[in-house]
Amino acid sequence: MKGTAILFQPNQKVTVIENVDHEVYETIKQQCGCSHCNCKVENNVVDFGKVSPVFWHAEEVDWAYGY
């Protein structure tokens, strides 16, 4: 299943990863609170830093709607 992962970071930065597998979300969720959240996105290992919390949206986000 693909969807959108929404990551919140302590510096009030929000990272949105669209069209990712649910397994990537689960990997990030397991690392919440760690100083380095690492996961593989499109065959690249990405370090998002500290992430907490993280949310999953099962569909694409309609950005024109006003999110």
N, C-alpha and C. Protein backbone atom coordinates (compact mmCIF):
# COMPACT_ATOMS: atom_id res chain seq x y z
N MET A 1 0.84 -1.17 0.00
CA MET A 1 0.00 0.00 0.00
C MET A 1 0.90 1.24 0.00
N LYS A 2 0.57 2.21 -0.83
CA LYS A 2 1.32 3.46 -0.88
C LYS A 2 0.48 4.58 -0.28
N GLY A 3 1.17 5.59 0.21
CA GLY A 3 0.48 6.73 0.81
C GLY A 3 1.46 7.85 1.07
N THR A 4 1.12 8.70 2.02
CA THR A 4 1.93 9.86 2.37
C THR A 4 2.33 9.77 3.84
N ALA A 5 3.63 9.95 4.10
CA ALA A 5 4.13 9.99 5.48
C ALA A 5 4.40 11.46 5.81
N ILE A 6 3.95 11.89 6.99
CA ILE A 6 4.13 13.27 7.43
C ILE A 6 4.97 13.24 8.70
N LEU A 7 6.18 13.82 8.62
CA LEU A 7 7.14 13.79 9.72
C LEU A 7 7.25 15.16 10.35
N PHE A 8 7.19 15.20 11.68
CA PHE A 8 7.36 16.45 12.42
C PHE A 8 8.69 16.38 13.15
N GLN A 9 9.46 17.49 13.09
CA GLN A 9 10.78 17.54 13.70
C GLN A 9 10.81 18.64 14.77
N PRO A 10 11.73 18.53 15.73
CA PRO A 10 11.75 19.48 16.86
C PRO A 10 11.90 20.94 16.45
N ASN A 11 12.56 21.23 15.35
CA ASN A 11 12.75 22.62 14.92
C ASN A 11 11.51 23.16 14.19
N GLN A 12 10.38 22.50 14.38
CA GLN A 12 9.09 22.82 13.79
C GLN A 12 9.09 22.68 12.27
N LYS A 13 10.01 21.87 11.76
CA LYS A 13 10.05 21.55 10.35
C LYS A 13 9.13 20.36 10.10
N VAL A 14 8.39 20.40 9.00
CA VAL A 14 7.50 19.31 8.63
C VAL A 14 7.99 18.77 7.29
N THR A 15 8.19 17.46 7.22
CA THR A 15 8.61 16.81 5.99
C THR A 15 7.49 15.90 5.53
N VAL A 16 7.11 16.02 4.26
CA VAL A 16 6.06 15.19 3.68
C VAL A 16 6.69 14.32 2.61
N ILE A 17 6.51 13.01 2.73
CA ILE A 17 7.03 12.06 1.75
C ILE A 17 5.82 11.42 1.08
N GLU A 18 5.65 11.72 -0.19
CA GLU A 18 4.50 11.21 -0.92
C GLU A 18 4.84 9.93 -1.67
N ASN A 19 3.82 9.13 -1.90
CA ASN A 19 3.92 7.91 -2.70
C ASN A 19 4.97 6.94 -2.17
N VAL A 20 4.94 6.70 -0.86
CA VAL A 20 5.87 5.76 -0.24
C VAL A 20 5.11 4.53 0.25
N ASP A 21 5.82 3.43 0.34
CA ASP A 21 5.23 2.21 0.86
C ASP A 21 4.97 2.34 2.36
N HIS A 22 3.95 1.65 2.83
CA HIS A 22 3.61 1.68 4.26
C HIS A 22 4.77 1.16 5.11
N GLU A 23 5.59 0.28 4.56
CA GLU A 23 6.74 -0.25 5.29
C GLU A 23 7.74 0.86 5.63
N VAL A 24 7.89 1.84 4.73
CA VAL A 24 8.79 2.98 5.01
C VAL A 24 8.25 3.77 6.20
N TYR A 25 6.96 4.01 6.22
CA TYR A 25 6.32 4.68 7.35
C TYR A 25 6.58 3.91 8.64
N GLU A 26 6.40 2.60 8.61
CA GLU A 26 6.62 1.78 9.81
C GLU A 26 8.07 1.88 10.29
N THR A 27 9.02 1.91 9.35
CA THR A 27 10.43 2.05 9.71
C THR A 27 10.67 3.38 10.42
N ILE A 28 10.11 4.45 9.88
CA ILE A 28 10.27 5.77 10.49
C ILE A 28 9.59 5.80 11.85
N LYS A 29 8.40 5.23 11.95
CA LYS A 29 7.65 5.22 13.21
C LYS A 29 8.42 4.52 14.31
N GLN A 30 9.11 3.43 13.98
CA GLN A 30 9.90 2.69 14.97
C GLN A 30 11.07 3.52 15.49
N GLN A 31 11.53 4.50 14.70
CA GLN A 31 12.68 5.29 15.08
C GLN A 31 12.31 6.65 15.69
N CYS A 32 11.01 6.89 15.91
CA CYS A 32 10.58 8.16 16.49
C CYS A 32 11.30 8.41 17.81
N GLY A 33 11.80 9.61 17.96
CA GLY A 33 12.51 9.98 19.18
C GLY A 33 14.00 9.73 19.12
N CYS A 34 14.46 8.93 18.18
CA CYS A 34 15.90 8.70 18.02
C CYS A 34 16.55 9.95 17.44
N SER A 35 17.84 10.12 17.66
CA SER A 35 18.50 11.32 17.14
C SER A 35 18.69 11.28 15.63
N HIS A 36 18.70 10.09 15.04
CA HIS A 36 18.83 9.97 13.59
C HIS A 36 17.83 8.94 13.07
N CYS A 37 16.82 9.42 12.37
CA CYS A 37 15.82 8.55 11.76
C CYS A 37 16.26 8.28 10.33
N ASN A 38 16.65 7.05 10.04
CA ASN A 38 17.13 6.67 8.72
C ASN A 38 16.16 5.71 8.06
N CYS A 39 15.95 5.89 6.76
CA CYS A 39 15.16 4.94 6.00
C CYS A 39 15.54 5.04 4.54
N LYS A 40 15.16 4.03 3.78
CA LYS A 40 15.47 3.99 2.35
C LYS A 40 14.25 4.47 1.57
N VAL A 41 14.44 5.55 0.80
CA VAL A 41 13.38 6.12 -0.02
C VAL A 41 13.91 6.19 -1.45
N GLU A 42 13.22 5.51 -2.36
CA GLU A 42 13.62 5.47 -3.77
C GLU A 42 15.09 5.08 -3.94
N ASN A 43 15.48 4.01 -3.28
CA ASN A 43 16.83 3.44 -3.35
C ASN A 43 17.92 4.34 -2.79
N ASN A 44 17.56 5.34 -1.99
CA ASN A 44 18.53 6.20 -1.32
C ASN A 44 18.27 6.17 0.17
N VAL A 45 19.33 6.04 0.98
CA VAL A 45 19.18 6.10 2.42
C VAL A 45 19.14 7.57 2.82
N VAL A 46 18.08 7.95 3.54
CA VAL A 46 17.88 9.34 3.94
C VAL A 46 17.88 9.42 5.46
N ASP A 47 18.62 10.41 6.00
CA ASP A 47 18.64 10.68 7.44
C ASP A 47 17.78 11.91 7.68
N PHE A 48 16.64 11.74 8.33
CA PHE A 48 15.72 12.85 8.60
C PHE A 48 16.02 13.54 9.92
N GLY A 49 17.02 13.07 10.64
CA GLY A 49 17.31 13.64 11.96
C GLY A 49 16.30 13.13 12.97
N LYS A 50 16.03 13.92 13.99
CA LYS A 50 15.08 13.53 15.02
C LYS A 50 13.66 13.79 14.53
N VAL A 51 12.81 12.78 14.60
CA VAL A 51 11.42 12.87 14.13
C VAL A 51 10.49 12.41 15.24
N SER A 52 9.48 13.22 15.54
CA SER A 52 8.46 12.82 16.50
C SER A 52 7.37 13.88 16.51
N PRO A 53 6.19 13.55 16.21
CA PRO A 53 5.63 12.28 15.77
C PRO A 53 5.67 12.15 14.26
N VAL A 54 5.15 11.02 13.78
CA VAL A 54 5.02 10.77 12.34
C VAL A 54 3.60 10.24 12.10
N PHE A 55 2.99 10.68 11.02
CA PHE A 55 1.62 10.28 10.70
C PHE A 55 1.56 9.68 9.31
N TRP A 56 0.54 8.89 9.06
CA TRP A 56 0.33 8.22 7.78
C TRP A 56 -1.00 8.66 7.20
N HIS A 57 -1.01 8.98 5.92
CA HIS A 57 -2.23 9.29 5.18
C HIS A 57 -2.27 8.32 4.01
N ALA A 58 -3.28 7.46 3.98
CA ALA A 58 -3.32 6.34 3.04
C ALA A 58 -3.50 6.75 1.59
N GLU A 59 -3.83 7.98 1.33
CA GLU A 59 -4.03 8.43 -0.04
C GLU A 59 -3.12 9.62 -0.31
N GLU A 60 -3.13 10.08 -1.56
CA GLU A 60 -2.36 11.27 -1.89
C GLU A 60 -3.02 12.49 -1.24
N VAL A 61 -2.21 13.46 -0.86
CA VAL A 61 -2.72 14.69 -0.28
C VAL A 61 -3.13 15.63 -1.41
N ASP A 62 -4.32 16.18 -1.30
CA ASP A 62 -4.79 17.13 -2.31
C ASP A 62 -4.31 18.52 -1.89
N TRP A 63 -3.15 18.92 -2.41
CA TRP A 63 -2.54 20.20 -2.00
C TRP A 63 -3.37 21.40 -2.43
N ALA A 64 -4.17 21.28 -3.47
CA ALA A 64 -5.01 22.38 -3.92
C ALA A 64 -6.15 22.65 -2.93
N TYR A 65 -6.45 21.68 -2.08
CA TYR A 65 -7.53 21.82 -1.13
C TYR A 65 -7.17 22.76 0.01
N GLY A 66 -5.89 22.96 0.26
CA GLY A 66 -5.49 23.91 1.30
C GLY A 66 -4.78 23.30 2.49
N TYR A 67 -4.13 22.18 2.31
CA TYR A 67 -3.38 21.57 3.42
C TYR A 67 -2.13 22.35 3.69
